[in-house]
Amino acid sequence: MKKISLGVCLFLMVLLASGCSSTFETKESAVYVKDNGQVIEANVETFAQKYYDEKELKSFVEESIDAYNKEHDGKGVSLEELKVEDKKAKMFLAYESGKDFKQFHGEPFFAGTMAEAMSEGYALDDTFYKVEGKKLGKTVGSDELENDLQVVIMKERMGVKVSGTICYVSDNVKIVDENTVTPVRDEKHQIIENYGDEYIVVIYK
């Protein structure tokens, strides 16, 4: 399943009212892995004007979500919240599990324990940086980490928030706070897509 296009996101923001508050606060596109295994994705984009075909876009997003849910016999993906503020559009999608996120996007994604990640074929043979406040400390090998630690693994460059305290990370992120990271950016504040490790890895407890 292809990721919903930016045009769809923006149209839906304009089309629908948004009286409720967001699932989590974010100024950038990010995922939030909750302690029940549910994944919330925030798509954030700046826009200046509406120039999309409303019927076509509305139909596309509804069909994309409905088709996925029918194919997987459930409600694995749902549209949770939409809002527009200060020329910024935000759309929140809820996934019942990391597996739903992975299948819907067609991109590598995992959320679970270190042991479960390795059982699903993630080698995790890199070194990771110990988190010390908002800085990266010494490196440790994956063989030094407890199997019951939780881990998020994803290829797409997005922010990551977890329901826990982050202990170790890959070298392609910066620490925002004890449970949030953001991708490394250049001097123009643009995400560096090919910086460091191939995957963003966040290990927490």
N, C-alpha and C. Protein backbone atom coordinates (compact mmCIF):
# COMPACT_ATOMS: atom_id res chain seq x y z
N MET A 1 0.85 -1.18 0.00
CA MET A 1 0.00 0.00 0.00
C MET A 1 0.88 1.23 0.00
N LYS A 2 0.68 2.14 -0.91
CA LYS A 2 1.49 3.33 -0.99
C LYS A 2 1.08 4.32 0.08
N LYS A 3 2.06 5.11 0.52
CA LYS A 3 1.77 6.12 1.52
C LYS A 3 0.86 7.18 0.92
N ILE A 4 -0.09 7.66 1.71
CA ILE A 4 -1.01 8.68 1.24
C ILE A 4 -0.23 9.92 0.83
N SER A 5 -0.56 10.46 -0.32
CA SER A 5 0.18 11.59 -0.85
C SER A 5 -0.07 12.84 -0.06
N LEU A 6 0.87 13.78 -0.17
CA LEU A 6 0.74 15.05 0.51
C LEU A 6 -0.53 15.77 0.11
N GLY A 7 -0.87 15.69 -1.18
CA GLY A 7 -2.08 16.36 -1.65
C GLY A 7 -3.31 15.88 -0.93
N VAL A 8 -3.39 14.58 -0.70
CA VAL A 8 -4.53 14.03 0.03
C VAL A 8 -4.55 14.58 1.45
N CYS A 9 -3.41 14.59 2.07
CA CYS A 9 -3.34 15.09 3.44
C CYS A 9 -3.85 16.52 3.52
N LEU A 10 -3.37 17.36 2.63
CA LEU A 10 -3.73 18.77 2.68
C LEU A 10 -5.20 18.98 2.40
N PHE A 11 -5.73 18.25 1.43
CA PHE A 11 -7.15 18.40 1.12
C PHE A 11 -8.02 18.03 2.31
N LEU A 12 -7.68 16.92 2.93
CA LEU A 12 -8.49 16.47 4.06
C LEU A 12 -8.43 17.44 5.23
N MET A 13 -7.29 18.07 5.42
CA MET A 13 -7.18 19.04 6.49
C MET A 13 -8.15 20.20 6.26
N VAL A 14 -8.22 20.64 5.02
CA VAL A 14 -9.08 21.76 4.70
C VAL A 14 -10.54 21.35 4.72
N LEU A 15 -10.82 20.13 4.30
CA LEU A 15 -12.19 19.67 4.14
C LEU A 15 -12.90 19.45 5.46
N LEU A 16 -12.18 18.88 6.44
CA LEU A 16 -12.82 18.44 7.67
C LEU A 16 -12.54 19.37 8.83
N ALA A 17 -13.50 19.52 9.69
CA ALA A 17 -13.31 20.33 10.89
C ALA A 17 -12.49 19.54 11.89
N SER A 18 -11.89 20.26 12.82
CA SER A 18 -11.01 19.57 13.77
C SER A 18 -11.17 20.18 15.15
N GLY A 19 -12.17 19.75 15.85
CA GLY A 19 -12.42 20.30 17.17
C GLY A 19 -11.63 19.63 18.27
N CYS A 20 -11.05 18.46 18.01
CA CYS A 20 -10.37 17.73 19.08
C CYS A 20 -8.88 18.05 19.09
N SER A 21 -8.21 17.72 20.16
CA SER A 21 -6.79 17.98 20.28
C SER A 21 -6.01 16.83 19.67
N SER A 22 -4.76 17.09 19.30
CA SER A 22 -3.95 16.07 18.64
C SER A 22 -3.55 14.97 19.61
N THR A 23 -3.22 13.80 19.06
CA THR A 23 -2.82 12.67 19.87
C THR A 23 -1.50 12.94 20.58
N PHE A 24 -0.59 13.58 19.90
CA PHE A 24 0.66 14.00 20.53
C PHE A 24 1.15 15.27 19.83
N GLU A 25 1.85 16.08 20.58
CA GLU A 25 2.31 17.35 20.03
C GLU A 25 3.56 17.15 19.19
N THR A 26 3.56 17.68 17.99
CA THR A 26 4.73 17.59 17.12
C THR A 26 4.69 18.70 16.09
N LYS A 27 5.85 19.22 15.74
CA LYS A 27 5.96 20.25 14.71
C LYS A 27 6.49 19.67 13.40
N GLU A 28 6.72 18.36 13.39
CA GLU A 28 7.24 17.71 12.20
C GLU A 28 6.55 16.37 12.01
N SER A 29 6.73 15.79 10.84
CA SER A 29 6.20 14.45 10.60
C SER A 29 6.91 13.48 11.54
N ALA A 30 6.14 12.64 12.21
CA ALA A 30 6.73 11.76 13.23
C ALA A 30 5.80 10.59 13.50
N VAL A 31 6.34 9.57 14.16
CA VAL A 31 5.54 8.45 14.63
C VAL A 31 5.64 8.39 16.15
N TYR A 32 4.55 7.97 16.77
CA TYR A 32 4.50 7.78 18.21
C TYR A 32 4.11 6.33 18.48
N VAL A 33 5.02 5.57 19.08
CA VAL A 33 4.77 4.18 19.42
C VAL A 33 4.28 4.12 20.86
N LYS A 34 3.01 3.76 21.03
CA LYS A 34 2.41 3.74 22.36
C LYS A 34 2.73 2.43 23.07
N ASP A 35 2.53 2.41 24.39
CA ASP A 35 2.90 1.23 25.14
C ASP A 35 1.99 0.04 24.90
N ASN A 36 0.85 0.26 24.23
CA ASN A 36 -0.04 -0.86 23.87
C ASN A 36 0.25 -1.41 22.49
N GLY A 37 1.32 -0.91 21.84
CA GLY A 37 1.70 -1.39 20.52
C GLY A 37 1.12 -0.60 19.37
N GLN A 38 0.15 0.27 19.66
CA GLN A 38 -0.45 1.09 18.61
C GLN A 38 0.56 2.14 18.15
N VAL A 39 0.51 2.46 16.86
CA VAL A 39 1.40 3.46 16.29
C VAL A 39 0.56 4.61 15.75
N ILE A 40 0.91 5.83 16.14
CA ILE A 40 0.25 7.03 15.63
C ILE A 40 1.23 7.75 14.71
N GLU A 41 0.80 8.05 13.52
CA GLU A 41 1.65 8.77 12.56
C GLU A 41 1.10 10.18 12.34
N ALA A 42 1.97 11.16 12.45
CA ALA A 42 1.61 12.55 12.17
C ALA A 42 2.28 12.97 10.86
N ASN A 43 1.46 13.42 9.92
CA ASN A 43 1.98 14.02 8.69
C ASN A 43 1.81 15.52 8.81
N VAL A 44 2.91 16.26 8.72
CA VAL A 44 2.88 17.70 8.90
C VAL A 44 3.46 18.37 7.65
N GLU A 45 2.75 19.35 7.14
CA GLU A 45 3.23 20.02 5.93
C GLU A 45 2.75 21.47 5.90
N THR A 46 3.61 22.36 5.42
CA THR A 46 3.24 23.76 5.23
C THR A 46 2.64 23.92 3.84
N PHE A 47 1.61 24.75 3.73
CA PHE A 47 1.00 24.99 2.43
C PHE A 47 0.51 26.43 2.36
N ALA A 48 0.36 26.95 1.13
CA ALA A 48 -0.04 28.33 0.93
C ALA A 48 -1.44 28.46 0.36
N GLN A 49 -1.86 27.48 -0.44
CA GLN A 49 -3.18 27.58 -1.05
C GLN A 49 -3.72 26.20 -1.39
N LYS A 50 -5.03 26.16 -1.57
CA LYS A 50 -5.69 24.90 -1.92
C LYS A 50 -5.86 24.85 -3.43
N TYR A 51 -5.34 23.82 -4.04
CA TYR A 51 -5.45 23.72 -5.49
C TYR A 51 -5.68 22.28 -5.93
N TYR A 52 -6.32 21.50 -5.09
CA TYR A 52 -6.51 20.09 -5.38
C TYR A 52 -7.95 19.79 -5.79
N ASP A 53 -8.12 18.72 -6.53
CA ASP A 53 -9.45 18.25 -6.89
C ASP A 53 -10.03 17.54 -5.67
N GLU A 54 -11.02 18.16 -5.04
CA GLU A 54 -11.51 17.67 -3.76
C GLU A 54 -12.12 16.27 -3.84
N LYS A 55 -12.98 16.03 -4.80
CA LYS A 55 -13.64 14.74 -4.90
C LYS A 55 -12.63 13.62 -5.15
N GLU A 56 -11.69 13.88 -6.04
CA GLU A 56 -10.70 12.85 -6.37
C GLU A 56 -9.84 12.50 -5.16
N LEU A 57 -9.38 13.52 -4.43
CA LEU A 57 -8.52 13.28 -3.29
C LEU A 57 -9.26 12.61 -2.13
N LYS A 58 -10.46 13.06 -1.88
CA LYS A 58 -11.24 12.47 -0.80
C LYS A 58 -11.51 10.99 -1.10
N SER A 59 -11.85 10.73 -2.35
CA SER A 59 -12.09 9.35 -2.76
C SER A 59 -10.83 8.50 -2.61
N PHE A 60 -9.69 9.07 -2.96
CA PHE A 60 -8.43 8.33 -2.91
C PHE A 60 -8.09 7.91 -1.48
N VAL A 61 -8.18 8.85 -0.53
CA VAL A 61 -7.78 8.51 0.83
C VAL A 61 -8.75 7.52 1.46
N GLU A 62 -10.04 7.68 1.19
CA GLU A 62 -11.02 6.75 1.73
C GLU A 62 -10.82 5.35 1.15
N GLU A 63 -10.56 5.28 -0.13
CA GLU A 63 -10.36 3.99 -0.77
C GLU A 63 -9.07 3.32 -0.30
N SER A 64 -8.02 4.13 -0.06
CA SER A 64 -6.74 3.58 0.39
C SER A 64 -6.88 2.91 1.75
N ILE A 65 -7.51 3.60 2.68
CA ILE A 65 -7.68 3.05 4.02
C ILE A 65 -8.66 1.88 4.01
N ASP A 66 -9.78 2.05 3.32
CA ASP A 66 -10.78 0.98 3.27
C ASP A 66 -10.22 -0.28 2.61
N ALA A 67 -9.46 -0.10 1.53
CA ALA A 67 -8.90 -1.25 0.83
C ALA A 67 -7.94 -2.02 1.73
N TYR A 68 -7.11 -1.29 2.48
CA TYR A 68 -6.18 -1.95 3.39
C TYR A 68 -6.93 -2.73 4.46
N ASN A 69 -7.91 -2.08 5.08
CA ASN A 69 -8.64 -2.74 6.16
C ASN A 69 -9.41 -3.97 5.68
N LYS A 70 -9.99 -3.89 4.49
CA LYS A 70 -10.71 -5.04 3.95
C LYS A 70 -9.76 -6.18 3.63
N GLU A 71 -8.61 -5.83 3.10
CA GLU A 71 -7.61 -6.85 2.74
C GLU A 71 -7.09 -7.57 3.97
N HIS A 72 -7.08 -6.87 5.11
CA HIS A 72 -6.51 -7.45 6.32
C HIS A 72 -7.57 -7.77 7.37
N ASP A 73 -8.82 -7.83 6.93
CA ASP A 73 -9.92 -8.30 7.79
C ASP A 73 -10.03 -7.55 9.12
N GLY A 74 -9.98 -6.27 9.07
CA GLY A 74 -10.12 -5.52 10.32
C GLY A 74 -10.08 -4.03 10.12
N LYS A 75 -9.64 -3.35 11.16
CA LYS A 75 -9.52 -1.90 11.14
C LYS A 75 -8.11 -1.51 11.54
N GLY A 76 -7.16 -2.00 10.77
CA GLY A 76 -5.75 -1.78 11.08
C GLY A 76 -5.31 -0.35 10.96
N VAL A 77 -5.99 0.43 10.11
CA VAL A 77 -5.62 1.83 9.90
C VAL A 77 -6.87 2.68 10.02
N SER A 78 -6.75 3.81 10.69
CA SER A 78 -7.87 4.73 10.79
C SER A 78 -7.38 6.17 10.79
N LEU A 79 -8.23 7.05 10.31
CA LEU A 79 -7.95 8.47 10.31
C LEU A 79 -8.38 9.02 11.66
N GLU A 80 -7.44 9.55 12.44
CA GLU A 80 -7.73 9.91 13.82
C GLU A 80 -8.01 11.39 14.02
N GLU A 81 -7.27 12.25 13.34
CA GLU A 81 -7.46 13.68 13.56
C GLU A 81 -6.92 14.47 12.38
N LEU A 82 -7.56 15.61 12.11
CA LEU A 82 -7.12 16.50 11.05
C LEU A 82 -7.29 17.93 11.51
N LYS A 83 -6.30 18.77 11.20
CA LYS A 83 -6.46 20.18 11.55
C LYS A 83 -5.51 21.04 10.73
N VAL A 84 -5.86 22.32 10.62
CA VAL A 84 -5.03 23.30 9.94
C VAL A 84 -4.84 24.48 10.88
N GLU A 85 -3.58 24.85 11.11
CA GLU A 85 -3.27 26.00 11.95
C GLU A 85 -2.06 26.72 11.38
N ASP A 86 -2.19 28.03 11.22
CA ASP A 86 -1.08 28.85 10.77
C ASP A 86 -0.42 28.31 9.50
N LYS A 87 -1.26 27.96 8.53
CA LYS A 87 -0.79 27.47 7.22
C LYS A 87 -0.02 26.15 7.34
N LYS A 88 -0.26 25.42 8.42
CA LYS A 88 0.34 24.10 8.56
C LYS A 88 -0.77 23.08 8.68
N ALA A 89 -0.67 22.06 7.84
CA ALA A 89 -1.66 20.98 7.85
C ALA A 89 -1.10 19.80 8.62
N LYS A 90 -1.95 19.21 9.47
CA LYS A 90 -1.55 18.02 10.22
C LYS A 90 -2.61 16.95 10.05
N MET A 91 -2.16 15.75 9.76
CA MET A 91 -3.06 14.60 9.71
C MET A 91 -2.48 13.50 10.58
N PHE A 92 -3.32 12.90 11.42
CA PHE A 92 -2.91 11.82 12.29
C PHE A 92 -3.60 10.53 11.87
N LEU A 93 -2.79 9.51 11.58
CA LEU A 93 -3.30 8.18 11.26
C LEU A 93 -2.94 7.23 12.39
N ALA A 94 -3.87 6.37 12.76
CA ALA A 94 -3.63 5.40 13.82
C ALA A 94 -3.51 4.00 13.22
N TYR A 95 -2.50 3.26 13.65
CA TYR A 95 -2.27 1.89 13.20
C TYR A 95 -2.37 0.98 14.41
N GLU A 96 -3.09 -0.13 14.26
CA GLU A 96 -3.26 -1.04 15.38
C GLU A 96 -1.94 -1.65 15.84
N SER A 97 -0.98 -1.73 14.93
CA SER A 97 0.32 -2.31 15.28
C SER A 97 1.39 -1.80 14.34
N GLY A 98 2.65 -2.07 14.70
CA GLY A 98 3.74 -1.73 13.81
C GLY A 98 3.66 -2.49 12.50
N LYS A 99 3.11 -3.70 12.56
CA LYS A 99 2.95 -4.49 11.34
C LYS A 99 2.01 -3.80 10.37
N ASP A 100 0.92 -3.20 10.89
CA ASP A 100 0.00 -2.47 10.02
C ASP A 100 0.70 -1.27 9.38
N PHE A 101 1.51 -0.56 10.15
CA PHE A 101 2.26 0.57 9.60
C PHE A 101 3.17 0.11 8.47
N LYS A 102 3.89 -0.98 8.71
CA LYS A 102 4.82 -1.52 7.72
C LYS A 102 4.10 -1.92 6.44
N GLN A 103 2.98 -2.62 6.58
CA GLN A 103 2.26 -3.10 5.40
C GLN A 103 1.57 -1.96 4.65
N PHE A 104 1.04 -1.00 5.37
CA PHE A 104 0.35 0.12 4.73
C PHE A 104 1.31 0.97 3.92
N HIS A 105 2.51 1.19 4.46
CA HIS A 105 3.50 2.04 3.79
C HIS A 105 4.37 1.27 2.81
N GLY A 106 4.49 -0.03 3.01
CA GLY A 106 5.40 -0.80 2.17
C GLY A 106 6.85 -0.46 2.44
N GLU A 107 7.15 -0.05 3.69
CA GLU A 107 8.51 0.31 4.10
C GLU A 107 8.87 -0.46 5.37
N PRO A 108 10.16 -0.76 5.57
CA PRO A 108 10.57 -1.47 6.78
C PRO A 108 10.17 -0.71 8.04
N PHE A 109 9.58 -1.39 8.99
CA PHE A 109 9.20 -0.79 10.27
C PHE A 109 9.01 -1.91 11.28
N PHE A 110 9.53 -1.69 12.49
CA PHE A 110 9.35 -2.67 13.55
C PHE A 110 9.21 -1.96 14.88
N ALA A 111 8.32 -2.47 15.73
CA ALA A 111 8.19 -1.98 17.10
C ALA A 111 7.93 -3.18 18.00
N GLY A 112 8.83 -3.40 18.95
CA GLY A 112 8.70 -4.55 19.85
C GLY A 112 9.98 -4.68 20.66
N THR A 113 10.26 -5.88 21.15
CA THR A 113 11.47 -6.09 21.94
C THR A 113 12.66 -6.39 21.02
N MET A 114 13.86 -6.26 21.59
CA MET A 114 15.07 -6.58 20.84
C MET A 114 15.04 -8.04 20.37
N ALA A 115 14.61 -8.93 21.25
CA ALA A 115 14.56 -10.35 20.90
C ALA A 115 13.60 -10.59 19.75
N GLU A 116 12.44 -9.94 19.78
CA GLU A 116 11.45 -10.10 18.71
C GLU A 116 11.99 -9.54 17.39
N ALA A 117 12.72 -8.43 17.46
CA ALA A 117 13.29 -7.83 16.24
C ALA A 117 14.26 -8.80 15.58
N MET A 118 15.11 -9.41 16.39
CA MET A 118 16.08 -10.34 15.83
C MET A 118 15.41 -11.60 15.28
N SER A 119 14.32 -12.01 15.91
CA SER A 119 13.60 -13.18 15.42
C SER A 119 12.90 -12.90 14.10
N GLU A 120 12.65 -11.64 13.81
CA GLU A 120 12.03 -11.25 12.54
C GLU A 120 13.06 -10.91 11.47
N GLY A 121 14.33 -11.12 11.78
CA GLY A 121 15.36 -10.97 10.77
C GLY A 121 16.16 -9.69 10.81
N TYR A 122 15.91 -8.84 11.78
CA TYR A 122 16.71 -7.62 11.91
C TYR A 122 18.01 -7.99 12.62
N ALA A 123 19.13 -7.79 11.93
CA ALA A 123 20.42 -8.25 12.46
C ALA A 123 20.83 -7.48 13.72
N LEU A 124 20.60 -6.18 13.73
CA LEU A 124 20.98 -5.33 14.87
C LEU A 124 22.42 -5.58 15.30
N ASP A 125 23.30 -5.67 14.29
CA ASP A 125 24.70 -5.92 14.59
C ASP A 125 25.54 -4.66 14.56
N ASP A 126 24.88 -3.49 14.54
CA ASP A 126 25.59 -2.23 14.57
C ASP A 126 25.92 -1.84 16.00
N THR A 127 26.67 -0.77 16.14
CA THR A 127 26.87 -0.18 17.46
C THR A 127 25.87 0.96 17.62
N PHE A 128 25.47 1.20 18.86
CA PHE A 128 24.50 2.25 19.14
C PHE A 128 25.08 3.20 20.18
N TYR A 129 24.53 4.40 20.21
CA TYR A 129 25.03 5.43 21.12
C TYR A 129 24.17 5.48 22.38
N LYS A 130 24.82 5.49 23.51
CA LYS A 130 24.10 5.65 24.76
C LYS A 130 23.61 7.09 24.88
N VAL A 131 22.36 7.26 25.29
CA VAL A 131 21.79 8.59 25.42
C VAL A 131 22.15 9.14 26.80
N GLU A 132 22.76 10.32 26.80
CA GLU A 132 23.14 11.00 28.03
C GLU A 132 22.54 12.40 27.99
N GLY A 133 21.34 12.53 28.57
CA GLY A 133 20.62 13.80 28.46
C GLY A 133 20.18 14.03 27.04
N LYS A 134 20.63 15.13 26.43
CA LYS A 134 20.32 15.40 25.03
C LYS A 134 21.53 15.15 24.13
N LYS A 135 22.54 14.46 24.66
CA LYS A 135 23.74 14.18 23.89
C LYS A 135 23.91 12.68 23.70
N LEU A 136 24.71 12.34 22.69
CA LEU A 136 25.05 10.94 22.46
C LEU A 136 26.36 10.63 23.16
N GLY A 137 26.35 9.57 23.96
CA GLY A 137 27.54 9.20 24.71
C GLY A 137 28.33 8.11 24.03
N LYS A 138 28.87 7.19 24.82
CA LYS A 138 29.72 6.13 24.29
C LYS A 138 28.91 5.14 23.46
N THR A 139 29.59 4.39 22.62
CA THR A 139 28.92 3.40 21.78
C THR A 139 28.92 2.04 22.48
N VAL A 140 27.89 1.27 22.19
CA VAL A 140 27.79 -0.10 22.71
C VAL A 140 27.36 -1.01 21.58
N GLY A 141 27.76 -2.26 21.66
CA GLY A 141 27.34 -3.24 20.67
C GLY A 141 25.99 -3.83 21.04
N SER A 142 25.27 -4.33 20.05
CA SER A 142 23.95 -4.89 20.31
C SER A 142 24.02 -6.09 21.23
N ASP A 143 25.17 -6.79 21.24
CA ASP A 143 25.31 -7.95 22.11
C ASP A 143 25.44 -7.58 23.58
N GLU A 144 25.58 -6.29 23.86
CA GLU A 144 25.67 -5.81 25.24
C GLU A 144 24.30 -5.38 25.78
N LEU A 145 23.28 -5.42 24.94
CA LEU A 145 21.97 -4.90 25.33
C LEU A 145 21.03 -6.03 25.75
N GLU A 146 20.15 -5.71 26.69
CA GLU A 146 19.19 -6.71 27.17
C GLU A 146 18.14 -7.01 26.11
N ASN A 147 17.76 -8.28 26.01
CA ASN A 147 16.80 -8.71 25.00
C ASN A 147 15.40 -8.14 25.23
N ASP A 148 15.09 -7.76 26.48
CA ASP A 148 13.75 -7.28 26.75
C ASP A 148 13.59 -5.77 26.57
N LEU A 149 14.65 -5.08 26.17
CA LEU A 149 14.53 -3.67 25.85
C LEU A 149 13.62 -3.51 24.63
N GLN A 150 12.87 -2.44 24.59
CA GLN A 150 12.00 -2.15 23.45
C GLN A 150 12.79 -1.43 22.36
N VAL A 151 12.40 -1.65 21.10
CA VAL A 151 13.11 -1.01 20.01
C VAL A 151 12.14 -0.63 18.88
N VAL A 152 12.40 0.52 18.29
CA VAL A 152 11.71 0.96 17.08
C VAL A 152 12.74 1.02 15.97
N ILE A 153 12.42 0.40 14.84
CA ILE A 153 13.33 0.38 13.68
C ILE A 153 12.54 0.86 12.47
N MET A 154 13.03 1.87 11.80
CA MET A 154 12.33 2.35 10.61
C MET A 154 13.32 2.95 9.62
N LYS A 155 12.95 2.90 8.35
CA LYS A 155 13.83 3.40 7.30
C LYS A 155 13.51 4.85 6.94
N GLU A 156 12.24 5.20 7.00
CA GLU A 156 11.85 6.56 6.64
C GLU A 156 12.36 7.55 7.66
N ARG A 157 12.87 8.68 7.17
CA ARG A 157 13.40 9.72 8.06
C ARG A 157 12.26 10.55 8.63
N MET A 158 11.87 10.21 9.86
CA MET A 158 10.82 10.91 10.58
C MET A 158 11.21 10.99 12.04
N GLY A 159 10.56 11.89 12.78
CA GLY A 159 10.75 11.91 14.22
C GLY A 159 10.14 10.66 14.83
N VAL A 160 10.62 10.27 16.01
CA VAL A 160 10.10 9.11 16.72
C VAL A 160 9.88 9.48 18.18
N LYS A 161 8.68 9.18 18.68
CA LYS A 161 8.35 9.35 20.09
C LYS A 161 7.93 7.99 20.63
N VAL A 162 8.37 7.66 21.83
CA VAL A 162 8.04 6.36 22.42
C VAL A 162 7.45 6.55 23.82
N SER A 163 6.74 5.54 24.28
CA SER A 163 6.18 5.55 25.64
C SER A 163 7.18 4.91 26.59
N GLY A 164 8.24 5.60 26.84
CA GLY A 164 9.30 5.08 27.70
C GLY A 164 10.49 6.01 27.65
N THR A 165 11.57 5.59 28.27
CA THR A 165 12.80 6.39 28.32
C THR A 165 13.80 5.83 27.33
N ILE A 166 14.26 6.67 26.40
CA ILE A 166 15.20 6.23 25.37
C ILE A 166 16.58 6.03 25.99
N CYS A 167 17.17 4.87 25.70
CA CYS A 167 18.48 4.51 26.26
C CYS A 167 19.60 4.57 25.23
N TYR A 168 19.31 4.09 24.01
CA TYR A 168 20.32 4.02 22.95
C TYR A 168 19.68 4.37 21.62
N VAL A 169 20.48 4.93 20.71
CA VAL A 169 19.97 5.30 19.38
C VAL A 169 21.03 5.05 18.31
N SER A 170 20.59 5.04 17.07
CA SER A 170 21.52 5.02 15.93
C SER A 170 22.13 6.40 15.76
N ASP A 171 23.09 6.52 14.84
CA ASP A 171 23.84 7.78 14.72
C ASP A 171 23.17 8.81 13.82
N ASN A 172 21.95 8.55 13.34
CA ASN A 172 21.31 9.46 12.39
C ASN A 172 20.17 10.27 13.01
N VAL A 173 20.16 10.36 14.34
CA VAL A 173 19.12 11.13 15.01
C VAL A 173 19.74 12.07 16.04
N LYS A 174 18.93 13.05 16.44
CA LYS A 174 19.28 13.93 17.56
C LYS A 174 18.22 13.77 18.64
N ILE A 175 18.63 13.93 19.88
CA ILE A 175 17.72 13.76 21.00
C ILE A 175 16.95 15.05 21.24
N VAL A 176 15.63 14.94 21.31
CA VAL A 176 14.78 16.09 21.64
C VAL A 176 14.51 16.11 23.14
N ASP A 177 14.07 14.98 23.67
CA ASP A 177 13.88 14.81 25.10
C ASP A 177 13.99 13.33 25.42
N GLU A 178 13.64 12.93 26.63
CA GLU A 178 13.90 11.55 27.05
C GLU A 178 13.11 10.51 26.28
N ASN A 179 12.05 10.91 25.57
CA ASN A 179 11.28 9.93 24.79
C ASN A 179 11.06 10.32 23.34
N THR A 180 11.86 11.28 22.83
CA THR A 180 11.66 11.76 21.46
C THR A 180 12.99 12.02 20.77
N VAL A 181 13.08 11.60 19.50
CA VAL A 181 14.25 11.92 18.67
C VAL A 181 13.77 12.53 17.35
N THR A 182 14.69 13.20 16.67
CA THR A 182 14.40 13.78 15.37
C THR A 182 15.55 13.45 14.43
N PRO A 183 15.31 13.31 13.12
CA PRO A 183 16.40 12.99 12.19
C PRO A 183 17.45 14.10 12.15
N VAL A 184 18.69 13.74 11.87
CA VAL A 184 19.77 14.71 11.72
C VAL A 184 19.46 15.62 10.53
N ARG A 185 19.72 16.91 10.71
CA ARG A 185 19.45 17.90 9.68
C ARG A 185 20.71 18.67 9.31
N ASP A 186 20.67 19.33 8.13
CA ASP A 186 21.79 20.16 7.69
C ASP A 186 21.64 21.58 8.22
N GLU A 187 22.53 22.48 7.76
CA GLU A 187 22.52 23.85 8.26
C GLU A 187 21.27 24.62 7.85
N LYS A 188 20.55 24.11 6.84
CA LYS A 188 19.30 24.74 6.41
C LYS A 188 18.08 24.09 7.07
N HIS A 189 18.34 23.24 8.03
CA HIS A 189 17.31 22.53 8.79
C HIS A 189 16.54 21.53 7.92
N GLN A 190 17.19 21.05 6.87
CA GLN A 190 16.60 20.02 6.02
C GLN A 190 17.11 18.65 6.47
N ILE A 191 16.22 17.67 6.51
CA ILE A 191 16.60 16.32 6.92
C ILE A 191 17.63 15.75 5.94
N ILE A 192 18.70 15.19 6.47
CA ILE A 192 19.72 14.55 5.63
C ILE A 192 19.32 13.09 5.45
N GLU A 193 18.83 12.76 4.27
CA GLU A 193 18.24 11.44 4.03
C GLU A 193 19.26 10.30 4.13
N ASN A 194 20.49 10.55 3.69
CA ASN A 194 21.48 9.46 3.64
C ASN A 194 22.55 9.61 4.72
N TYR A 195 22.20 10.21 5.84
CA TYR A 195 23.17 10.42 6.91
C TYR A 195 23.27 9.18 7.81
N GLY A 196 24.48 8.68 8.00
CA GLY A 196 24.72 7.61 8.96
C GLY A 196 24.05 6.30 8.62
N ASP A 197 23.54 5.64 9.65
CA ASP A 197 22.95 4.31 9.49
C ASP A 197 21.76 4.32 8.54
N GLU A 198 21.54 3.19 7.89
CA GLU A 198 20.42 3.07 6.95
C GLU A 198 19.08 3.21 7.67
N TYR A 199 19.00 2.61 8.86
CA TYR A 199 17.76 2.64 9.63
C TYR A 199 17.87 3.58 10.83
N ILE A 200 16.76 4.20 11.17
CA ILE A 200 16.66 4.88 12.45
C ILE A 200 16.34 3.80 13.48
N VAL A 201 17.13 3.73 14.53
CA VAL A 201 16.90 2.74 15.59
C VAL A 201 16.82 3.47 16.93
N VAL A 202 15.74 3.24 17.65
CA VAL A 202 15.53 3.84 18.97
C VAL A 202 15.28 2.72 19.97
N ILE A 203 16.14 2.59 20.95
CA ILE A 203 16.06 1.53 21.94
C ILE A 203 15.69 2.16 23.28
N TYR A 204 14.67 1.62 23.94
CA TYR A 204 14.18 2.27 25.17
C TYR A 204 13.65 1.24 26.16
N LYS A 205 13.31 1.73 27.35
CA LYS A 205 12.76 0.84 28.37
C LYS A 205 11.57 1.51 29.05
